[in-house]
Amino acid sequence: MVATTEFEAAAEAQAEALSFRPAVVYVPHPIQNRTAEELRRIADHAVEPILQMLCTAPALGRREDFS
């Protein structure tokens, strides 16, 4: 899962309620008012951990924060 830091507490609460620990990468909030260059920078920092989570097992329970 990729989410902004604004939703970190909500994601943690839902994971706890469901007894499920998803692999997650948090990126800075907000996203909607970022320039194209800012979005590229955020994506550049997040892509490697995202790929690692997709390509390694088990990824469940891992968490990265790029805020």
Protein backbone atom coordinates (compact mmCIF):
# COMPACT_ATOMS: atom_id res chain seq x y z
CA MET A 1 0.00 0.00 0.00
CA VAL A 2 1.17 3.52 -0.72
CA ALA A 3 -0.40 6.30 1.34
CA THR A 4 0.43 9.79 2.48
CA THR A 5 1.51 10.41 6.04
CA GLU A 6 -1.84 12.08 6.72
CA PHE A 7 -3.48 8.63 6.63
CA GLU A 8 -0.89 6.78 8.71
CA ALA A 9 -2.96 6.67 11.91
CA ALA A 10 -6.10 5.60 10.02
CA ALA A 11 -4.20 2.85 8.18
CA GLU A 12 -2.71 1.60 11.44
CA ALA A 13 -6.12 1.60 13.15
CA GLN A 14 -7.72 -0.30 10.29
CA ALA A 15 -4.86 -2.81 10.19
CA GLU A 16 -5.27 -3.36 13.93
CA ALA A 17 -9.05 -3.79 13.61
CA LEU A 18 -8.59 -6.33 10.80
CA SER A 19 -5.62 -8.09 12.43
CA PHE A 20 -3.74 -7.52 9.20
CA ARG A 21 -0.37 -5.83 8.78
CA PRO A 22 -0.04 -4.67 5.16
CA ALA A 23 3.26 -3.71 3.60
CA VAL A 24 3.09 0.06 3.34
CA VAL A 25 5.13 3.00 2.10
CA TYR A 26 4.16 6.44 3.39
CA VAL A 27 4.91 9.49 1.27
CA PRO A 28 4.62 13.16 2.22
CA HIS A 29 1.23 14.81 2.44
CA PRO A 30 -0.38 16.52 0.60
CA ILE A 31 -0.02 15.20 -2.93
CA GLN A 32 -2.62 17.14 -4.93
CA ASN A 33 -0.88 20.52 -4.84
CA ARG A 34 2.63 19.28 -5.70
CA THR A 35 4.48 20.33 -8.80
CA ALA A 36 5.45 17.71 -11.35
CA GLU A 37 9.06 17.96 -10.14
CA GLU A 38 8.05 17.46 -6.50
CA LEU A 39 6.01 14.40 -7.46
CA ARG A 40 8.96 12.98 -9.40
CA ARG A 41 11.20 13.44 -6.37
CA ILE A 42 8.68 11.73 -4.07
CA ALA A 43 8.29 8.87 -6.55
CA ASP A 44 12.07 8.55 -6.96
CA HIS A 45 12.48 8.14 -3.21
CA ALA A 46 9.63 5.67 -2.86
CA VAL A 47 10.06 3.44 -5.92
CA GLU A 48 12.86 1.23 -4.59
CA PRO A 49 11.13 0.31 -1.31
CA ILE A 50 7.90 -0.29 -3.22
CA LEU A 51 9.68 -2.64 -5.63
CA GLN A 52 11.38 -4.43 -2.74
CA MET A 53 8.05 -5.00 -1.03
CA LEU A 54 6.55 -6.35 -4.24
CA CYS A 55 9.47 -8.62 -5.02
CA THR A 56 10.36 -10.04 -1.62
CA ALA A 57 8.49 -12.38 0.63
CA PRO A 58 7.17 -11.94 3.14
CA ALA A 59 6.46 -8.26 2.75
CA LEU A 60 3.62 -8.22 5.28
CA GLY A 61 4.28 -6.06 8.26
CA ARG A 62 7.01 -3.96 6.65
CA ARG A 63 6.72 -0.22 6.76
CA GLU A 64 8.63 2.62 5.11
CA ASP A 65 8.16 6.32 5.72
CA PHE A 66 9.49 8.90 3.23
CA SER A 67 7.97 12.02 4.72
